Amino acid sequence: MLKTKKLSKDINIVQKQGNIVSDMDGEKVMMSVQKGKYFNLGVIGGVIWDNIKSPISAIEIIDRLTTEYDVERKECEEQVLSFLDHLLEEELIEICK
């Protein structure tokens, strides 16, 4: 199986259209209409999802999260990039040109 290219911190990404998103007990859940799959984004994943409604770089998301939450920057970078890579692999986000 081919692995999708990993995102870098300075590449702008944005939500792909056509997903149904809902809040359930403080967590975001999503259904990809195109794939017919459900995803639980969780609380922080939901915050990230809300931040990518319009084009934004991962570094901007990391800056926002490290300001708002008590998290080490290195750990935040690793987790955010991993989460965004997963969203990209599932074709839920796209890279802006």
N, C-alpha and C. Protein backbone atom coordinates (compact mmCIF):
# COMPACT_ATOMS: atom_id res chain seq x y z
N MET A 1 0.84 -1.18 0.00
CA MET A 1 0.00 0.00 0.00
C MET A 1 0.88 1.25 0.00
N LEU A 2 0.58 2.20 -0.87
CA LEU A 2 1.35 3.43 -0.94
C LEU A 2 1.01 4.35 0.21
N LYS A 3 2.02 4.93 0.77
CA LYS A 3 1.84 5.87 1.87
C LYS A 3 1.75 7.28 1.30
N THR A 4 0.77 8.03 1.73
CA THR A 4 0.61 9.41 1.28
C THR A 4 1.78 10.24 1.79
N LYS A 5 2.22 11.19 0.99
CA LYS A 5 3.28 12.09 1.40
C LYS A 5 2.87 12.82 2.66
N LYS A 6 3.79 12.90 3.61
CA LYS A 6 3.50 13.59 4.86
C LYS A 6 3.48 15.10 4.64
N LEU A 7 2.62 15.74 5.40
CA LEU A 7 2.51 17.19 5.33
C LEU A 7 3.68 17.85 6.05
N SER A 8 4.03 19.02 5.58
CA SER A 8 4.99 19.82 6.32
C SER A 8 4.20 20.91 7.04
N LYS A 9 4.84 21.55 7.99
CA LYS A 9 4.15 22.52 8.83
C LYS A 9 3.72 23.78 8.09
N ASP A 10 4.36 24.08 6.97
CA ASP A 10 4.06 25.35 6.30
C ASP A 10 3.12 25.23 5.11
N ILE A 11 2.65 24.03 4.81
CA ILE A 11 1.71 23.83 3.70
C ILE A 11 0.30 24.15 4.18
N ASN A 12 -0.43 24.93 3.39
CA ASN A 12 -1.82 25.26 3.74
C ASN A 12 -2.75 24.11 3.36
N ILE A 13 -3.66 23.82 4.27
CA ILE A 13 -4.65 22.77 4.05
C ILE A 13 -6.03 23.34 4.35
N VAL A 14 -7.06 22.64 3.86
CA VAL A 14 -8.44 23.08 4.07
C VAL A 14 -9.35 21.84 4.05
N GLN A 15 -10.49 21.93 4.70
CA GLN A 15 -11.48 20.85 4.68
C GLN A 15 -11.94 20.59 3.25
N LYS A 16 -12.15 19.33 2.92
CA LYS A 16 -12.82 19.00 1.66
C LYS A 16 -14.32 19.12 1.90
N GLN A 17 -15.04 19.51 0.89
CA GLN A 17 -16.48 19.63 0.99
C GLN A 17 -17.13 18.25 0.91
N GLY A 18 -18.36 18.15 1.39
CA GLY A 18 -19.13 16.92 1.25
C GLY A 18 -19.08 16.01 2.45
N ASN A 19 -18.68 16.53 3.61
CA ASN A 19 -18.68 15.74 4.84
C ASN A 19 -19.74 16.29 5.78
N ILE A 20 -20.39 15.40 6.47
CA ILE A 20 -21.41 15.80 7.44
C ILE A 20 -20.77 15.71 8.82
N VAL A 21 -20.77 16.84 9.54
CA VAL A 21 -20.11 16.92 10.84
C VAL A 21 -21.14 17.31 11.89
N SER A 22 -21.03 16.66 13.06
CA SER A 22 -21.96 16.93 14.15
C SER A 22 -21.22 16.87 15.48
N ASP A 23 -21.72 17.62 16.46
CA ASP A 23 -21.19 17.55 17.82
C ASP A 23 -21.98 16.53 18.61
N MET A 24 -21.27 15.64 19.28
CA MET A 24 -21.91 14.63 20.13
C MET A 24 -21.17 14.60 21.46
N ASP A 25 -21.81 15.07 22.50
CA ASP A 25 -21.22 15.08 23.84
C ASP A 25 -19.85 15.74 23.88
N GLY A 26 -19.70 16.86 23.17
CA GLY A 26 -18.45 17.60 23.20
C GLY A 26 -17.41 17.14 22.19
N GLU A 27 -17.67 16.07 21.48
CA GLU A 27 -16.74 15.58 20.46
C GLU A 27 -17.36 15.74 19.08
N LYS A 28 -16.52 15.94 18.09
CA LYS A 28 -16.99 16.04 16.71
C LYS A 28 -16.95 14.65 16.08
N VAL A 29 -18.02 14.33 15.40
CA VAL A 29 -18.08 13.11 14.59
C VAL A 29 -18.40 13.53 13.17
N MET A 30 -17.90 12.74 12.22
CA MET A 30 -18.06 13.11 10.83
C MET A 30 -18.39 11.89 10.01
N MET A 31 -19.20 12.11 8.99
CA MET A 31 -19.45 11.07 8.01
C MET A 31 -18.96 11.57 6.67
N SER A 32 -18.10 10.78 6.05
CA SER A 32 -17.65 11.08 4.70
C SER A 32 -18.70 10.51 3.76
N VAL A 33 -19.45 11.38 3.12
CA VAL A 33 -20.50 10.95 2.21
C VAL A 33 -19.89 10.17 1.05
N GLN A 34 -18.76 10.66 0.54
CA GLN A 34 -18.10 10.03 -0.60
C GLN A 34 -17.66 8.60 -0.27
N LYS A 35 -17.11 8.38 0.93
CA LYS A 35 -16.59 7.07 1.30
C LYS A 35 -17.58 6.22 2.10
N GLY A 36 -18.62 6.86 2.63
CA GLY A 36 -19.57 6.14 3.47
C GLY A 36 -18.96 5.66 4.77
N LYS A 37 -18.01 6.44 5.32
CA LYS A 37 -17.32 6.08 6.55
C LYS A 37 -17.58 7.13 7.62
N TYR A 38 -17.61 6.67 8.86
CA TYR A 38 -17.74 7.57 10.01
C TYR A 38 -16.37 7.76 10.65
N PHE A 39 -16.15 8.95 11.18
CA PHE A 39 -14.92 9.28 11.89
C PHE A 39 -15.26 10.01 13.18
N ASN A 40 -14.63 9.63 14.27
CA ASN A 40 -14.74 10.36 15.53
C ASN A 40 -13.50 11.22 15.64
N LEU A 41 -13.67 12.53 15.52
CA LEU A 41 -12.53 13.44 15.57
C LEU A 41 -12.10 13.74 16.99
N GLY A 42 -12.95 13.48 17.96
CA GLY A 42 -12.63 13.79 19.34
C GLY A 42 -12.75 15.28 19.61
N VAL A 43 -12.34 15.68 20.79
CA VAL A 43 -12.45 17.08 21.18
C VAL A 43 -11.41 17.94 20.46
N ILE A 44 -10.14 17.60 20.60
CA ILE A 44 -9.09 18.41 19.99
C ILE A 44 -9.12 18.28 18.47
N GLY A 45 -9.43 17.10 17.97
CA GLY A 45 -9.59 16.92 16.53
C GLY A 45 -10.70 17.82 16.00
N GLY A 46 -11.75 17.99 16.80
CA GLY A 46 -12.83 18.90 16.43
C GLY A 46 -12.37 20.35 16.39
N VAL A 47 -11.51 20.72 17.32
CA VAL A 47 -10.95 22.07 17.32
C VAL A 47 -10.11 22.27 16.06
N ILE A 48 -9.30 21.28 15.73
CA ILE A 48 -8.48 21.36 14.51
C ILE A 48 -9.40 21.46 13.29
N TRP A 49 -10.43 20.62 13.25
CA TRP A 49 -11.37 20.63 12.13
C TRP A 49 -11.99 22.01 11.95
N ASP A 50 -12.41 22.62 13.05
CA ASP A 50 -12.99 23.97 12.97
C ASP A 50 -11.98 24.98 12.43
N ASN A 51 -10.71 24.79 12.74
CA ASN A 51 -9.67 25.72 12.28
C ASN A 51 -9.35 25.59 10.80
N ILE A 52 -9.72 24.47 10.18
CA ILE A 52 -9.37 24.29 8.77
C ILE A 52 -10.57 24.50 7.84
N LYS A 53 -11.55 25.26 8.31
CA LYS A 53 -12.67 25.62 7.43
C LYS A 53 -12.20 26.48 6.27
N SER A 54 -11.19 27.28 6.52
CA SER A 54 -10.55 28.05 5.45
C SER A 54 -9.07 27.71 5.48
N PRO A 55 -8.36 27.95 4.39
CA PRO A 55 -6.96 27.55 4.31
C PRO A 55 -6.12 28.06 5.48
N ILE A 56 -5.32 27.17 6.02
CA ILE A 56 -4.45 27.48 7.16
C ILE A 56 -3.28 26.50 7.15
N SER A 57 -2.16 26.92 7.67
CA SER A 57 -1.00 26.02 7.75
C SER A 57 -1.02 25.29 9.09
N ALA A 58 -0.36 24.17 9.11
CA ALA A 58 -0.26 23.39 10.35
C ALA A 58 0.42 24.20 11.44
N ILE A 59 1.40 25.00 11.08
CA ILE A 59 2.12 25.81 12.07
C ILE A 59 1.17 26.80 12.74
N GLU A 60 0.22 27.35 11.99
CA GLU A 60 -0.76 28.26 12.59
C GLU A 60 -1.67 27.51 13.56
N ILE A 61 -2.06 26.30 13.20
CA ILE A 61 -2.89 25.48 14.10
C ILE A 61 -2.11 25.17 15.37
N ILE A 62 -0.86 24.77 15.22
CA ILE A 62 -0.01 24.45 16.37
C ILE A 62 0.15 25.67 17.27
N ASP A 63 0.37 26.83 16.68
CA ASP A 63 0.48 28.07 17.46
C ASP A 63 -0.78 28.30 18.28
N ARG A 64 -1.93 28.13 17.66
CA ARG A 64 -3.21 28.34 18.37
C ARG A 64 -3.39 27.34 19.51
N LEU A 65 -3.08 26.07 19.25
CA LEU A 65 -3.28 25.04 20.27
C LEU A 65 -2.33 25.20 21.44
N THR A 66 -1.06 25.55 21.16
CA THR A 66 -0.11 25.72 22.27
C THR A 66 -0.42 26.96 23.10
N THR A 67 -1.11 27.92 22.50
CA THR A 67 -1.54 29.10 23.26
C THR A 67 -2.75 28.77 24.12
N GLU A 68 -3.66 27.98 23.57
CA GLU A 68 -4.92 27.69 24.26
C GLU A 68 -4.83 26.54 25.27
N TYR A 69 -3.96 25.57 25.01
CA TYR A 69 -3.89 24.37 25.86
C TYR A 69 -2.50 24.22 26.47
N ASP A 70 -2.44 23.52 27.59
CA ASP A 70 -1.18 23.24 28.27
C ASP A 70 -0.54 22.01 27.62
N VAL A 71 0.23 22.24 26.56
CA VAL A 71 0.86 21.16 25.82
C VAL A 71 2.23 21.61 25.34
N GLU A 72 3.18 20.69 25.40
CA GLU A 72 4.52 20.99 24.90
C GLU A 72 4.47 21.16 23.38
N ARG A 73 5.20 22.11 22.87
CA ARG A 73 5.16 22.40 21.44
C ARG A 73 5.55 21.20 20.58
N LYS A 74 6.62 20.51 20.94
CA LYS A 74 7.09 19.36 20.15
C LYS A 74 6.01 18.28 20.09
N GLU A 75 5.38 17.98 21.21
CA GLU A 75 4.32 16.97 21.25
C GLU A 75 3.13 17.43 20.41
N CYS A 76 2.79 18.71 20.52
CA CYS A 76 1.67 19.26 19.75
C CYS A 76 1.95 19.14 18.26
N GLU A 77 3.16 19.49 17.83
CA GLU A 77 3.53 19.39 16.42
C GLU A 77 3.37 17.96 15.91
N GLU A 78 3.90 17.00 16.68
CA GLU A 78 3.83 15.60 16.27
C GLU A 78 2.39 15.14 16.14
N GLN A 79 1.56 15.47 17.13
CA GLN A 79 0.17 15.03 17.14
C GLN A 79 -0.65 15.69 16.03
N VAL A 80 -0.46 16.99 15.85
CA VAL A 80 -1.21 17.72 14.82
C VAL A 80 -0.84 17.21 13.43
N LEU A 81 0.45 17.07 13.16
CA LEU A 81 0.88 16.59 11.83
C LEU A 81 0.40 15.16 11.58
N SER A 82 0.43 14.32 12.59
CA SER A 82 -0.06 12.95 12.46
C SER A 82 -1.56 12.95 12.16
N PHE A 83 -2.31 13.76 12.88
CA PHE A 83 -3.76 13.86 12.67
C PHE A 83 -4.07 14.37 11.27
N LEU A 84 -3.37 15.42 10.84
CA LEU A 84 -3.60 15.97 9.51
C LEU A 84 -3.20 14.98 8.41
N ASP A 85 -2.11 14.24 8.63
CA ASP A 85 -1.71 13.20 7.67
C ASP A 85 -2.82 12.17 7.52
N HIS A 86 -3.43 11.79 8.64
CA HIS A 86 -4.53 10.82 8.60
C HIS A 86 -5.72 11.39 7.83
N LEU A 87 -6.07 12.64 8.10
CA LEU A 87 -7.17 13.27 7.37
C LEU A 87 -6.88 13.33 5.88
N LEU A 88 -5.62 13.61 5.52
CA LEU A 88 -5.23 13.66 4.12
C LEU A 88 -5.34 12.28 3.47
N GLU A 89 -4.87 11.25 4.18
CA GLU A 89 -4.97 9.88 3.67
C GLU A 89 -6.42 9.47 3.44
N GLU A 90 -7.31 9.93 4.30
CA GLU A 90 -8.73 9.60 4.18
C GLU A 90 -9.46 10.54 3.21
N GLU A 91 -8.71 11.46 2.61
CA GLU A 91 -9.24 12.43 1.64
C GLU A 91 -10.32 13.33 2.24
N LEU A 92 -10.12 13.71 3.49
CA LEU A 92 -11.04 14.60 4.19
C LEU A 92 -10.57 16.06 4.13
N ILE A 93 -9.29 16.25 3.81
CA ILE A 93 -8.73 17.58 3.63
C ILE A 93 -7.97 17.60 2.31
N GLU A 94 -7.65 18.81 1.88
CA GLU A 94 -6.85 18.94 0.67
C GLU A 94 -5.81 20.03 0.85
N ILE A 95 -4.74 19.90 0.11
CA ILE A 95 -3.67 20.87 0.13
C ILE A 95 -4.06 22.02 -0.78
N CYS A 96 -3.89 23.24 -0.28
CA CYS A 96 -4.20 24.44 -1.06
C CYS A 96 -3.01 24.78 -1.94
N LYS A 97 -3.32 25.25 -3.11
CA LYS A 97 -2.24 25.63 -4.04
C LYS A 97 -2.06 27.10 -4.08
